[in-house]
Amino acid sequence: MDSAAEISVTAPDVEAVRLVLGRQDETRRLIERELAVTVAVRDGALVVSGQPEATGRAAHLIEQLLEVARRNLKGGRPLEPADVRYMVEQTKTGDSQRPNANPLTDTLVVSERGKPIGPRTAGQKTYVEALRQNELVFAIGPAGTGKTYLAVAAAVAALKAKQVARIILTRPAVEAGERLGFLPGDLEAKIDPYLRPLYDALYDLLDMEKVQGYLERRTIEVAPLAYMRGRTLNDSYVILDEAQNTTPAQMKMFLTRLGFGSRMVVTGDVTQTDLPAGQESGLRVAARILTNVPGIQFVRLGRADVVRHNLVQRIIEAYEKNESTNSF
């Protein structure tokens, strides 16, 4: 058995140490429990002791947490309990040594309420970098991986920086046939429930009054996919959400709307299509024929990128296991 090792990680100040240790030392206890090490505070440093490999990993994790804490003290991203749990899991599997392993140091945009918004997982970090570098990005993954939210955040950031003149958010209304006709109100009222998740993201990033002003001036447009036909979208940040519910023809129609000075993001979960039985998803077709086209990047997110309640990750894992064994 290897002899015990000890590594001292210098902390910038007491407040950074407090942020890393967590409320009532919950982060310290989590690290000690999951990585089989001991963490102590000594002479302005966090001292990690245990078996050499575990100690090295834990010390690297603490360095990452201290970097987030330093940025937090300067107005950067906060250190959330869910983020710490994710980073601990990354450390246990050895993924913390890979590129993008500390996504919490990246801020995409700051909300109107002063909250820094950015990636929280390595997969999301790859996604955010793809949004910055490409004119057309496809994000494919399960619910809760931040596909839509980060796309809207990137669009708001681009609008604030005057990189685009408007934001266009669209989704297919897959039930827009018989059942939609029975809903009360005019067409706008009928399609509003399909577009509500896009409004939710906007209201989380911008003041409600500002969103309403943008909508009235058409600086931000939220519309069903059918409204895109025949248009050329210049100087726009265009997001197609729930793209798994498009037909191949609809997907082609949408992609060919791309105009000069514009960016497009297509998001969807190919495992949750609501199309009629036998109808192939336009998102699947696009992934098959556009993967190697220059200027287009596909980002695939997985259950490790789920940033909702921990139970959501376990639900996704259970469904994936069921689908792989065809146990219905």
C-alpha atoms as a PDB file:
ATOM      1  CA  MET A   1       0.000   0.000   0.000  1.00  0.00           C
ATOM      2  CA  ASP A   2       1.286   3.485  -0.865  1.00  0.00           C
ATOM      3  CA  SER A   3       2.237   5.696   2.044  1.00  0.00           C
ATOM      4  CA  ALA A   4       0.035   8.679   2.822  1.00  0.00           C
ATOM      5  CA  ALA A   5       0.658  11.945   0.985  1.00  0.00           C
ATOM      6  CA  GLU A   6      -0.026  15.548   1.906  1.00  0.00           C
ATOM      7  CA  ILE A   7      -0.496  18.515  -0.432  1.00  0.00           C
ATOM      8  CA  SER A   8      -0.922  22.120   0.644  1.00  0.00           C
ATOM      9  CA  VAL A   9      -2.993  24.423  -1.586  1.00  0.00           C
ATOM     10  CA  THR A  10      -2.480  28.108  -0.832  1.00  0.00           C
ATOM     11  CA  ALA A  11      -5.706  30.102  -0.542  1.00  0.00           C
ATOM     12  CA  PRO A  12      -5.864  33.814  -1.487  1.00  0.00           C
ATOM     13  CA  ASP A  13      -7.864  34.846   1.579  1.00  0.00           C
ATOM     14  CA  VAL A  14     -10.195  33.679   4.310  1.00  0.00           C
ATOM     15  CA  GLU A  15     -13.328  34.474   2.306  1.00  0.00           C
ATOM     16  CA  ALA A  16     -12.217  32.242  -0.588  1.00  0.00           C
ATOM     17  CA  VAL A  17     -11.573  29.429   1.905  1.00  0.00           C
ATOM     18  CA  ARG A  18     -15.053  29.912   3.345  1.00  0.00           C
ATOM     19  CA  LEU A  19     -16.646  29.683  -0.111  1.00  0.00           C
ATOM     20  CA  VAL A  20     -14.731  26.501  -0.921  1.00  0.00           C
ATOM     21  CA  LEU A  21     -15.502  24.775   2.371  1.00  0.00           C
ATOM     22  CA  GLY A  22     -19.203  25.473   1.868  1.00  0.00           C
ATOM     23  CA  ARG A  23     -21.989  26.237   4.280  1.00  0.00           C
ATOM     24  CA  GLN A  24     -21.350  24.376   7.539  1.00  0.00           C
ATOM     25  CA  ASP A  25     -18.379  22.653   5.870  1.00  0.00           C
ATOM     26  CA  GLU A  26     -20.670  20.723   3.507  1.00  0.00           C
ATOM     27  CA  THR A  27     -18.200  20.919   0.598  1.00  0.00           C
ATOM     28  CA  ARG A  28     -15.316  19.744   2.748  1.00  0.00           C
ATOM     29  CA  ARG A  29     -17.346  16.780   4.000  1.00  0.00           C
ATOM     30  CA  LEU A  30     -18.406  15.926   0.439  1.00  0.00           C
ATOM     31  CA  ILE A  31     -14.797  15.943  -0.799  1.00  0.00           C
ATOM     32  CA  GLU A  32     -13.577  13.891   2.146  1.00  0.00           C
ATOM     33  CA  ARG A  33     -16.380  11.339   1.763  1.00  0.00           C
ATOM     34  CA  GLU A  34     -16.247  10.906  -2.004  1.00  0.00           C
ATOM     35  CA  LEU A  35     -12.486  11.095  -2.531  1.00  0.00           C
ATOM     36  CA  ALA A  36     -11.335   9.366   0.685  1.00  0.00           C
ATOM     37  CA  VAL A  37      -9.076  12.210   1.823  1.00  0.00           C
ATOM     38  CA  THR A  38      -8.833  14.620   4.737  1.00  0.00           C
ATOM     39  CA  VAL A  39      -9.015  18.385   4.197  1.00  0.00           C
ATOM     40  CA  ALA A  40      -7.756  20.760   6.868  1.00  0.00           C
ATOM     41  CA  VAL A  41      -7.218  24.512   7.094  1.00  0.00           C
ATOM     42  CA  ARG A  42      -3.701  25.368   8.184  1.00  0.00           C
ATOM     43  CA  ASP A  43      -1.698  28.613   7.980  1.00  0.00           C
ATOM     44  CA  GLY A  44      -3.777  30.162   5.228  1.00  0.00           C
ATOM     45  CA  ALA A  45      -3.843  27.015   3.122  1.00  0.00           C
ATOM     46  CA  LEU A  46      -6.093  24.015   2.509  1.00  0.00           C
ATOM     47  CA  VAL A  47      -4.109  20.893   3.315  1.00  0.00           C
ATOM     48  CA  VAL A  48      -5.180  17.612   1.693  1.00  0.00           C
ATOM     49  CA  SER A  49      -3.930  14.276   2.993  1.00  0.00           C
ATOM     50  CA  GLY A  50      -4.587  10.665   2.021  1.00  0.00           C
ATOM     51  CA  GLN A  51      -3.384   8.103  -0.489  1.00  0.00           C
ATOM     52  CA  PRO A  52      -1.203   9.760  -3.192  1.00  0.00           C
ATOM     53  CA  GLU A  53      -3.557   9.418  -6.170  1.00  0.00           C
ATOM     54  CA  ALA A  54      -6.646  10.524  -4.238  1.00  0.00           C
ATOM     55  CA  THR A  55      -4.722  13.371  -2.624  1.00  0.00           C
ATOM     56  CA  GLY A  56      -3.509  14.643  -5.995  1.00  0.00           C
ATOM     57  CA  ARG A  57      -7.006  14.591  -7.447  1.00  0.00           C
ATOM     58  CA  ALA A  58      -8.524  16.295  -4.420  1.00  0.00           C
ATOM     59  CA  ALA A  59      -5.833  18.998  -4.425  1.00  0.00           C
ATOM     60  CA  HIS A  60      -6.508  19.679  -8.115  1.00  0.00           C
ATOM     61  CA  LEU A  61     -10.236  19.924  -7.371  1.00  0.00           C
ATOM     62  CA  ILE A  62      -9.616  22.401  -4.555  1.00  0.00           C
ATOM     63  CA  GLU A  63      -7.456  24.518  -6.876  1.00  0.00           C
ATOM     64  CA  GLN A  64     -10.369  24.641  -9.328  1.00  0.00           C
ATOM     65  CA  LEU A  65     -12.831  25.550  -6.568  1.00  0.00           C
ATOM     66  CA  LEU A  66     -10.525  28.299  -5.320  1.00  0.00           C
ATOM     67  CA  GLU A  67     -10.325  29.737  -8.844  1.00  0.00           C
ATOM     68  CA  VAL A  68     -14.136  29.900  -8.991  1.00  0.00           C
ATOM     69  CA  ALA A  69     -14.192  31.446  -5.498  1.00  0.00           C
ATOM     70  CA  ARG A  70     -11.645  34.102  -6.513  1.00  0.00           C
ATOM     71  CA  ARG A  71     -13.745  35.052  -9.523  1.00  0.00           C
ATOM     72  CA  ASN A  72     -16.892  35.036  -7.390  1.00  0.00           C
ATOM     73  CA  LEU A  73     -15.357  37.583  -5.032  1.00  0.00           C
ATOM     74  CA  LYS A  74     -14.761  39.827  -8.073  1.00  0.00           C
ATOM     75  CA  GLY A  75     -18.352  39.520  -9.275  1.00  0.00           C
ATOM     76  CA  GLY A  76     -17.993  36.248 -11.156  1.00  0.00           C
ATOM     77  CA  ARG A  77     -20.001  33.036 -11.131  1.00  0.00           C
ATOM     78  CA  PRO A  78     -21.294  31.818  -7.740  1.00  0.00           C
ATOM     79  CA  LEU A  79     -20.271  28.411  -6.440  1.00  0.00           C
ATOM     80  CA  GLU A  80     -23.487  26.378  -6.242  1.00  0.00           C
ATOM     81  CA  PRO A  81     -23.789  23.039  -4.374  1.00  0.00           C
ATOM     82  CA  ALA A  82     -24.826  21.292  -7.600  1.00  0.00           C
ATOM     83  CA  ASP A  83     -21.695  22.626  -9.306  1.00  0.00           C
ATOM     84  CA  VAL A  84     -19.494  21.271  -6.525  1.00  0.00           C
ATOM     85  CA  ARG A  85     -21.136  17.841  -6.780  1.00  0.00           C
ATOM     86  CA  TYR A  86     -20.531  17.817 -10.524  1.00  0.00           C
ATOM     87  CA  MET A  87     -16.865  18.724 -10.113  1.00  0.00           C
ATOM     88  CA  VAL A  88     -16.413  16.046  -7.453  1.00  0.00           C
ATOM     89  CA  GLU A  89     -17.877  13.451  -9.837  1.00  0.00           C
ATOM     90  CA  GLN A  90     -15.524  14.688 -12.569  1.00  0.00           C
ATOM     91  CA  THR A  91     -12.621  14.280 -10.178  1.00  0.00           C
ATOM     92  CA  LYS A  92     -13.635  10.728  -9.222  1.00  0.00           C
ATOM     93  CA  THR A  93     -13.688   9.619 -12.860  1.00  0.00           C
ATOM     94  CA  GLY A  94     -10.503  11.471 -13.779  1.00  0.00           C
ATOM     95  CA  ASP A  95     -12.365  13.829 -16.146  1.00  0.00           C
ATOM     96  CA  SER A  96     -11.261  16.890 -14.174  1.00  0.00           C
ATOM     97  CA  GLN A  97      -7.889  16.731 -15.957  1.00  0.00           C
ATOM     98  CA  ARG A  98      -9.490  17.107 -19.397  1.00  0.00           C
ATOM     99  CA  PRO A  99     -10.017  20.373 -21.324  1.00  0.00           C
ATOM    100  CA  ASN A 100     -13.115  22.376 -20.253  1.00  0.00           C
ATOM    101  CA  ALA A 101     -13.036  20.571 -16.902  1.00  0.00           C
ATOM    102  CA  ASN A 102     -13.672  23.820 -14.998  1.00  0.00           C
ATOM    103  CA  PRO A 103     -16.518  25.475 -16.906  1.00  0.00           C
ATOM    104  CA  LEU A 104     -17.512  27.662 -13.955  1.00  0.00           C
ATOM    105  CA  THR A 105     -14.805  30.195 -14.826  1.00  0.00           C
ATOM    106  CA  ASP A 106     -16.664  31.129 -18.042  1.00  0.00           C
ATOM    107  CA  THR A 107     -19.406  33.763 -18.075  1.00  0.00           C
ATOM    108  CA  LEU A 108     -21.568  34.010 -21.178  1.00  0.00           C
ATOM    109  CA  VAL A 109     -23.768  36.932 -20.137  1.00  0.00           C
ATOM    110  CA  VAL A 110     -24.847  38.730 -16.968  1.00  0.00           C
ATOM    111  CA  SER A 111     -28.601  38.847 -16.395  1.00  0.00           C
ATOM    112  CA  GLU A 112     -30.464  42.093 -15.686  1.00  0.00           C
ATOM    113  CA  ARG A 113     -30.475  41.080 -12.001  1.00  0.00           C
ATOM    114  CA  GLY A 114     -26.693  40.827 -11.988  1.00  0.00           C
ATOM    115  CA  LYS A 115     -26.496  37.033 -12.106  1.00  0.00           C
ATOM    116  CA  PRO A 116     -23.568  35.699 -14.190  1.00  0.00           C
ATOM    117  CA  ILE A 117     -24.800  33.046 -16.639  1.00  0.00           C
ATOM    118  CA  GLY A 118     -22.509  30.462 -18.183  1.00  0.00           C
ATOM    119  CA  PRO A 119     -21.774  26.754 -18.624  1.00  0.00           C
ATOM    120  CA  ARG A 120     -21.855  24.472 -15.609  1.00  0.00           C
ATOM    121  CA  THR A 121     -20.488  21.268 -17.120  1.00  0.00           C
ATOM    122  CA  ALA A 122     -17.674  20.354 -19.519  1.00  0.00           C
ATOM    123  CA  GLY A 123     -20.238  19.503 -22.200  1.00  0.00           C
ATOM    124  CA  GLN A 124     -21.938  22.857 -21.766  1.00  0.00           C
ATOM    125  CA  LYS A 125     -18.549  24.576 -21.993  1.00  0.00           C
ATOM    126  CA  THR A 126     -17.975  22.873 -25.362  1.00  0.00           C
ATOM    127  CA  TYR A 127     -21.454  24.013 -26.409  1.00  0.00           C
ATOM    128  CA  VAL A 128     -20.814  27.634 -25.405  1.00  0.00           C
ATOM    129  CA  GLU A 129     -17.513  27.675 -27.297  1.00  0.00           C
ATOM    130  CA  ALA A 130     -19.286  26.261 -30.354  1.00  0.00           C
ATOM    131  CA  LEU A 131     -21.882  29.052 -30.111  1.00  0.00           C
ATOM    132  CA  ARG A 132     -19.104  31.636 -30.085  1.00  0.00           C
ATOM    133  CA  GLN A 133     -17.181  30.153 -33.002  1.00  0.00           C
ATOM    134  CA  ASN A 134     -19.794  28.923 -35.501  1.00  0.00           C
ATOM    135  CA  GLU A 135     -22.618  30.422 -37.522  1.00  0.00           C
ATOM    136  CA  LEU A 136     -24.721  27.245 -37.236  1.00  0.00           C
ATOM    137  CA  VAL A 137     -24.735  24.967 -34.195  1.00  0.00           C
ATOM    138  CA  PHE A 138     -26.836  21.885 -33.454  1.00  0.00           C
ATOM    139  CA  ALA A 139     -27.207  20.942 -29.783  1.00  0.00           C
ATOM    140  CA  ILE A 140     -28.641  17.473 -29.224  1.00  0.00           C
ATOM    141  CA  GLY A 141     -29.279  16.077 -25.769  1.00  0.00           C
ATOM    142  CA  PRO A 142     -31.832  15.187 -23.090  1.00  0.00           C
ATOM    143  CA  ALA A 143     -33.954  17.524 -21.009  1.00  0.00           C
ATOM    144  CA  GLY A 144     -32.151  19.644 -18.456  1.00  0.00           C
ATOM    145  CA  THR A 145     -28.830  19.961 -20.268  1.00  0.00           C
ATOM    146  CA  GLY A 146     -29.248  23.692 -20.889  1.00  0.00           C
ATOM    147  CA  LYS A 147     -29.596  23.477 -24.675  1.00  0.00           C
ATOM    148  CA  THR A 148     -32.258  26.168 -25.005  1.00  0.00           C
ATOM    149  CA  TYR A 149     -31.288  28.308 -22.033  1.00  0.00           C
ATOM    150  CA  LEU A 150     -27.650  28.709 -23.072  1.00  0.00           C
ATOM    151  CA  ALA A 151     -28.679  29.401 -26.684  1.00  0.00           C
ATOM    152  CA  VAL A 152     -31.005  32.187 -25.525  1.00  0.00           C
ATOM    153  CA  ALA A 153     -28.263  33.517 -23.222  1.00  0.00           C
ATOM    154  CA  ALA A 154     -25.837  33.586 -26.165  1.00  0.00           C
ATOM    155  CA  ALA A 155     -28.441  35.405 -28.242  1.00  0.00           C
ATOM    156  CA  VAL A 156     -28.987  38.013 -25.515  1.00  0.00           C
ATOM    157  CA  ALA A 157     -25.212  38.466 -25.205  1.00  0.00           C
ATOM    158  CA  ALA A 158     -24.931  38.988 -28.978  1.00  0.00           C
ATOM    159  CA  LEU A 159     -27.814  41.500 -28.945  1.00  0.00           C
ATOM    160  CA  LYS A 160     -26.283  43.462 -26.064  1.00  0.00           C
ATOM    161  CA  ALA A 161     -22.929  43.536 -27.869  1.00  0.00           C
ATOM    162  CA  LYS A 162     -24.702  44.771 -31.043  1.00  0.00           C
ATOM    163  CA  GLN A 163     -23.420  41.766 -32.985  1.00  0.00           C
ATOM    164  CA  VAL A 164     -26.986  41.170 -34.200  1.00  0.00           C
ATOM    165  CA  ALA A 165     -29.992  43.459 -34.612  1.00  0.00           C
ATOM    166  CA  ARG A 166     -32.656  41.043 -33.386  1.00  0.00           C
ATOM    167  CA  ILE A 167     -33.373  37.663 -31.828  1.00  0.00           C
ATOM    168  CA  ILE A 168     -35.800  35.196 -33.394  1.00  0.00           C
ATOM    169  CA  LEU A 169     -36.989  32.235 -31.321  1.00  0.00           C
ATOM    170  CA  THR A 170     -39.105  29.530 -32.909  1.00  0.00           C
ATOM    171  CA  ARG A 171     -40.522  26.066 -32.234  1.00  0.00           C
ATOM    172  CA  PRO A 172     -42.686  23.650 -34.212  1.00  0.00           C
ATOM    173  CA  ALA A 173     -46.253  23.369 -32.906  1.00  0.00           C
ATOM    174  CA  VAL A 174     -46.578  19.662 -33.520  1.00  0.00           C
ATOM    175  CA  GLU A 175     -50.168  19.525 -32.285  1.00  0.00           C
ATOM    176  CA  ALA A 176     -51.261  22.432 -34.471  1.00  0.00           C
ATOM    177  CA  GLY A 177     -53.940  20.429 -36.214  1.00  0.00           C
ATOM    178  CA  GLU A 178     -57.231  19.235 -34.822  1.00  0.00           C
ATOM    179  CA  ARG A 179     -56.590  19.737 -31.108  1.00  0.00           C
ATOM    180  CA  LEU A 180     -55.285  23.285 -31.520  1.00  0.00           C
ATOM    181  CA  GLY A 181     -58.570  24.314 -33.117  1.00  0.00           C
ATOM    182  CA  PHE A 182     -60.443  23.537 -29.926  1.00  0.00           C
ATOM    183  CA  LEU A 183     -58.305  25.869 -27.826  1.00  0.00           C
ATOM    184  CA  PRO A 184     -59.849  29.270 -26.950  1.00  0.00           C
ATOM    185  CA  GLY A 185     -58.652  32.569 -28.379  1.00  0.00           C
ATOM    186  CA  ASP A 186     -57.063  33.738 -31.612  1.00  0.00           C
ATOM    187  CA  LEU A 187     -54.098  32.069 -33.323  1.00  0.00           C
ATOM    188  CA  GLU A 188     -51.563  33.843 -31.103  1.00  0.00           C
ATOM    189  CA  ALA A 189     -53.329  32.601 -27.973  1.00  0.00           C
ATOM    190  CA  LYS A 190     -53.509  29.070 -29.371  1.00  0.00           C
ATOM    191  CA  ILE A 191     -49.781  28.789 -30.108  1.00  0.00           C
ATOM    192  CA  ASP A 192     -48.585  30.605 -26.985  1.00  0.00           C
ATOM    193  CA  PRO A 193     -48.326  27.430 -24.825  1.00  0.00           C
ATOM    194  CA  TYR A 194     -45.867  25.923 -27.323  1.00  0.00           C
ATOM    195  CA  LEU A 195     -43.616  28.974 -27.088  1.00  0.00           C
ATOM    196  CA  ARG A 196     -43.797  29.505 -23.330  1.00  0.00           C
ATOM    197  CA  PRO A 197     -40.398  27.862 -22.512  1.00  0.00           C
ATOM    198  CA  LEU A 198     -38.706  30.413 -24.752  1.00  0.00           C
ATOM    199  CA  TYR A 199     -40.402  33.287 -22.945  1.00  0.00           C
ATOM    200  CA  ASP A 200     -39.350  31.761 -19.609  1.00  0.00           C
ATOM    201  CA  ALA A 201     -35.681  31.863 -20.646  1.00  0.00           C
ATOM    202  CA  LEU A 202     -35.993  35.485 -21.807  1.00  0.00           C
ATOM    203  CA  TYR A 203     -37.645  36.625 -18.578  1.00  0.00           C
ATOM    204  CA  ASP A 204     -34.876  34.960 -16.560  1.00  0.00           C
ATOM    205  CA  LEU A 205     -32.217  36.927 -18.448  1.00  0.00           C
ATOM    206  CA  LEU A 206     -33.930  40.282 -19.020  1.00  0.00           C
ATOM    207  CA  ASP A 207     -36.339  42.491 -17.104  1.00  0.00           C
ATOM    208  CA  MET A 208     -39.967  41.826 -17.988  1.00  0.00           C
ATOM    209  CA  GLU A 209     -40.498  45.413 -19.149  1.00  0.00           C
ATOM    210  CA  LYS A 210     -37.429  45.239 -21.387  1.00  0.00           C
ATOM    211  CA  VAL A 211     -38.625  41.956 -22.907  1.00  0.00           C
ATOM    212  CA  GLN A 212     -42.035  43.491 -23.597  1.00  0.00           C
ATOM    213  CA  GLY A 213     -40.381  46.498 -25.225  1.00  0.00           C
ATOM    214  CA  TYR A 214     -38.206  44.271 -27.417  1.00  0.00           C
ATOM    215  CA  LEU A 215     -41.261  42.236 -28.420  1.00  0.00           C
ATOM    216  CA  GLU A 216     -43.260  45.344 -29.318  1.00  0.00           C
ATOM    217  CA  ARG A 217     -40.409  46.690 -31.463  1.00  0.00           C
ATOM    218  CA  ARG A 218     -39.828  43.247 -33.004  1.00  0.00           C
ATOM    219  CA  THR A 219     -36.252  43.284 -31.725  1.00  0.00           C
ATOM    220  CA  ILE A 220     -37.180  39.935 -30.214  1.00  0.00           C
ATOM    221  CA  GLU A 221     -39.619  37.738 -32.096  1.00  0.00           C
ATOM    222  CA  VAL A 222     -41.099  34.521 -30.741  1.00  0.00           C
ATOM    223  CA  ALA A 223     -43.073  32.636 -33.358  1.00  0.00           C
ATOM    224  CA  PRO A 224     -44.040  29.135 -34.500  1.00  0.00           C
ATOM    225  CA  LEU A 225     -41.854  27.524 -37.148  1.00  0.00           C
ATOM    226  CA  ALA A 226     -44.511  27.891 -39.858  1.00  0.00           C
ATOM    227  CA  TYR A 227     -43.999  31.673 -39.701  1.00  0.00           C
ATOM    228  CA  MET A 228     -40.404  31.283 -40.961  1.00  0.00           C
ATOM    229  CA  ARG A 229     -41.375  30.130 -44.440  1.00  0.00           C
ATOM    230  CA  GLY A 230     -40.409  32.531 -47.229  1.00  0.00           C
ATOM    231  CA  ARG A 231     -38.247  34.753 -45.037  1.00  0.00           C
ATOM    232  CA  THR A 232     -34.531  35.583 -45.201  1.00  0.00           C
ATOM    233  CA  LEU A 233     -33.211  36.351 -41.743  1.00  0.00           C
ATOM    234  CA  ASN A 234     -30.327  38.835 -41.848  1.00  0.00           C
ATOM    235  CA  ASP A 235     -28.423  40.243 -38.837  1.00  0.00           C
ATOM    236  CA  SER A 236     -30.366  37.919 -36.554  1.00  0.00           C
ATOM    237  CA  TYR A 237     -29.704  35.353 -33.860  1.00  0.00           C
ATOM    238  CA  VAL A 238     -32.149  32.581 -34.736  1.00  0.00           C
ATOM    239  CA  ILE A 239     -32.937  29.655 -32.415  1.00  0.00           C
ATOM    240  CA  LEU A 240     -35.025  26.632 -33.380  1.00  0.00           C
ATOM    241  CA  ASP A 241     -36.087  24.774 -30.231  1.00  0.00           C
ATOM    242  CA  GLU A 242     -37.595  21.271 -29.980  1.00  0.00           C
ATOM    243  CA  ALA A 243     -36.201  20.542 -33.440  1.00  0.00           C
ATOM    244  CA  GLN A 244     -36.828  16.809 -33.059  1.00  0.00           C
ATOM    245  CA  ASN A 245     -40.462  17.650 -33.879  1.00  0.00           C
ATOM    246  CA  THR A 246     -39.672  19.039 -37.312  1.00  0.00           C
ATOM    247  CA  THR A 247     -40.110  17.055 -40.497  1.00  0.00           C
ATOM    248  CA  PRO A 248     -37.109  16.867 -42.871  1.00  0.00           C
ATOM    249  CA  ALA A 249     -38.833  19.385 -45.148  1.00  0.00           C
ATOM    250  CA  GLN A 250     -39.419  21.808 -42.272  1.00  0.00           C
ATOM    251  CA  MET A 251     -35.812  21.502 -41.143  1.00  0.00           C
ATOM    252  CA  LYS A 252     -34.516  22.234 -44.639  1.00  0.00           C
ATOM    253  CA  MET A 253     -36.882  25.196 -44.894  1.00  0.00           C
ATOM    254  CA  PHE A 254     -35.621  26.603 -41.608  1.00  0.00           C
ATOM    255  CA  LEU A 255     -31.913  26.140 -42.299  1.00  0.00           C
ATOM    256  CA  THR A 256     -32.177  27.884 -45.648  1.00  0.00           C
ATOM    257  CA  ARG A 257     -33.555  31.020 -43.943  1.00  0.00           C
ATOM    258  CA  LEU A 258     -30.023  31.876 -42.735  1.00  0.00           C
ATOM    259  CA  GLY A 259     -29.063  35.343 -43.945  1.00  0.00           C
ATOM    260  CA  PHE A 260     -25.982  37.548 -43.872  1.00  0.00           C
ATOM    261  CA  GLY A 261     -24.676  38.505 -40.451  1.00  0.00           C
ATOM    262  CA  SER A 262     -26.853  35.903 -38.751  1.00  0.00           C
ATOM    263  CA  ARG A 263     -26.283  32.930 -36.484  1.00  0.00           C
ATOM    264  CA  MET A 264     -28.490  29.885 -36.030  1.00  0.00           C
ATOM    265  CA  VAL A 265     -28.841  27.388 -33.195  1.00  0.00           C
ATOM    266  CA  VAL A 266     -30.901  24.214 -33.479  1.00  0.00           C
ATOM    267  CA  THR A 267     -31.705  22.352 -30.268  1.00  0.00           C
ATOM    268  CA  GLY A 268     -33.543  19.111 -29.648  1.00  0.00           C
ATOM    269  CA  ASP A 269     -33.753  15.690 -28.026  1.00  0.00           C
ATOM    270  CA  VAL A 270     -34.034  12.930 -30.624  1.00  0.00           C
ATOM    271  CA  THR A 271     -35.347  10.518 -27.972  1.00  0.00           C
ATOM    272  CA  GLN A 272     -38.510  12.573 -27.350  1.00  0.00           C
ATOM    273  CA  THR A 273     -40.126  13.182 -30.726  1.00  0.00           C
ATOM    274  CA  ASP A 274     -43.864  13.892 -30.845  1.00  0.00           C
ATOM    275  CA  LEU A 275     -44.198  13.309 -34.583  1.00  0.00           C
ATOM    276  CA  PRO A 276     -46.706  10.764 -35.906  1.00  0.00           C
ATOM    277  CA  ALA A 277     -45.553   7.158 -35.964  1.00  0.00           C
ATOM    278  CA  GLY A 278     -43.419   6.462 -39.020  1.00  0.00           C
ATOM    279  CA  GLN A 279     -42.469  10.120 -39.572  1.00  0.00           C
ATOM    280  CA  GLU A 280     -38.697  10.598 -39.459  1.00  0.00           C
ATOM    281  CA  SER A 281     -37.443  13.550 -37.449  1.00  0.00           C
ATOM    282  CA  GLY A 282     -35.873  16.402 -39.370  1.00  0.00           C
ATOM    283  CA  LEU A 283     -33.261  16.654 -36.620  1.00  0.00           C
ATOM    284  CA  ARG A 284     -32.154  13.062 -37.180  1.00  0.00           C
ATOM    285  CA  VAL A 285     -31.926  13.648 -40.929  1.00  0.00           C
ATOM    286  CA  ALA A 286     -29.906  16.831 -40.431  1.00  0.00           C
ATOM    287  CA  ALA A 287     -27.515  15.063 -38.068  1.00  0.00           C
ATOM    288  CA  ARG A 288     -27.017  12.357 -40.677  1.00  0.00           C
ATOM    289  CA  ILE A 289     -26.330  14.535 -43.702  1.00  0.00           C
ATOM    290  CA  LEU A 290     -24.804  17.736 -42.269  1.00  0.00           C
ATOM    291  CA  THR A 291     -22.296  16.413 -39.722  1.00  0.00           C
ATOM    292  CA  ASN A 292     -19.251  16.946 -41.951  1.00  0.00           C
ATOM    293  CA  VAL A 293     -20.333  20.218 -43.572  1.00  0.00           C
ATOM    294  CA  PRO A 294     -17.735  22.969 -42.864  1.00  0.00           C
ATOM    295  CA  GLY A 295     -19.042  25.784 -40.681  1.00  0.00           C
ATOM    296  CA  ILE A 296     -21.596  23.590 -38.898  1.00  0.00           C
ATOM    297  CA  GLN A 297     -20.881  22.094 -35.474  1.00  0.00           C
ATOM    298  CA  PHE A 298     -22.870  19.399 -33.706  1.00  0.00           C
ATOM    299  CA  VAL A 299     -22.648  19.285 -29.911  1.00  0.00           C
ATOM    300  CA  ARG A 300     -24.020  16.228 -28.149  1.00  0.00           C
ATOM    301  CA  LEU A 301     -24.876  16.596 -24.484  1.00  0.00           C
ATOM    302  CA  GLY A 302     -25.585  13.714 -22.130  1.00  0.00           C
ATOM    303  CA  ARG A 303     -26.891  12.952 -18.675  1.00  0.00           C
ATOM    304  CA  ALA A 304     -23.600  14.200 -17.171  1.00  0.00           C
ATOM    305  CA  ASP A 305     -24.629  17.658 -18.435  1.00  0.00           C
ATOM    306  CA  VAL A 306     -28.051  17.683 -16.756  1.00  0.00           C
ATOM    307  CA  VAL A 307     -28.149  20.650 -14.392  1.00  0.00           C
ATOM    308  CA  ARG A 308     -31.650  20.201 -13.043  1.00  0.00           C
ATOM    309  CA  HIS A 309     -32.543  18.256  -9.911  1.00  0.00           C
ATOM    310  CA  ASN A 310     -30.285  15.222  -9.325  1.00  0.00           C
ATOM    311  CA  LEU A 311     -33.326  13.001  -9.756  1.00  0.00           C
ATOM    312  CA  VAL A 312     -33.594  14.110 -13.412  1.00  0.00           C
ATOM    313  CA  GLN A 313     -30.180  12.566 -14.091  1.00  0.00           C
ATOM    314  CA  ARG A 314     -31.302   9.281 -12.555  1.00  0.00           C
ATOM    315  CA  ILE A 315     -34.551   9.328 -14.567  1.00  0.00           C
ATOM    316  CA  ILE A 316     -32.629   9.851 -17.814  1.00  0.00           C
ATOM    317  CA  GLU A 317     -30.194   7.073 -16.885  1.00  0.00           C
ATOM    318  CA  ALA A 318     -33.061   4.672 -16.162  1.00  0.00           C
ATOM    319  CA  TYR A 319     -34.751   5.409 -19.501  1.00  0.00           C
ATOM    320  CA  GLU A 320     -31.474   5.014 -21.389  1.00  0.00           C
ATOM    321  CA  LYS A 321     -30.899   1.655 -19.699  1.00  0.00           C
ATOM    322  CA  ASN A 322     -34.435   0.556 -20.553  1.00  0.00           C
ATOM    323  CA  GLU A 323     -34.058   1.580 -24.193  1.00  0.00           C
ATOM    324  CA  SER A 324     -30.744  -0.253 -24.527  1.00  0.00           C
ATOM    325  CA  THR A 325     -32.265  -3.491 -23.233  1.00  0.00           C
ATOM    326  CA  ASN A 326     -35.713  -3.101 -24.899  1.00  0.00           C
ATOM    327  CA  SER A 327     -37.333  -4.257 -21.699  1.00  0.00           C
ATOM    328  CA  PHE A 328     -40.868  -2.994 -22.324  1.00  0.00           C
END
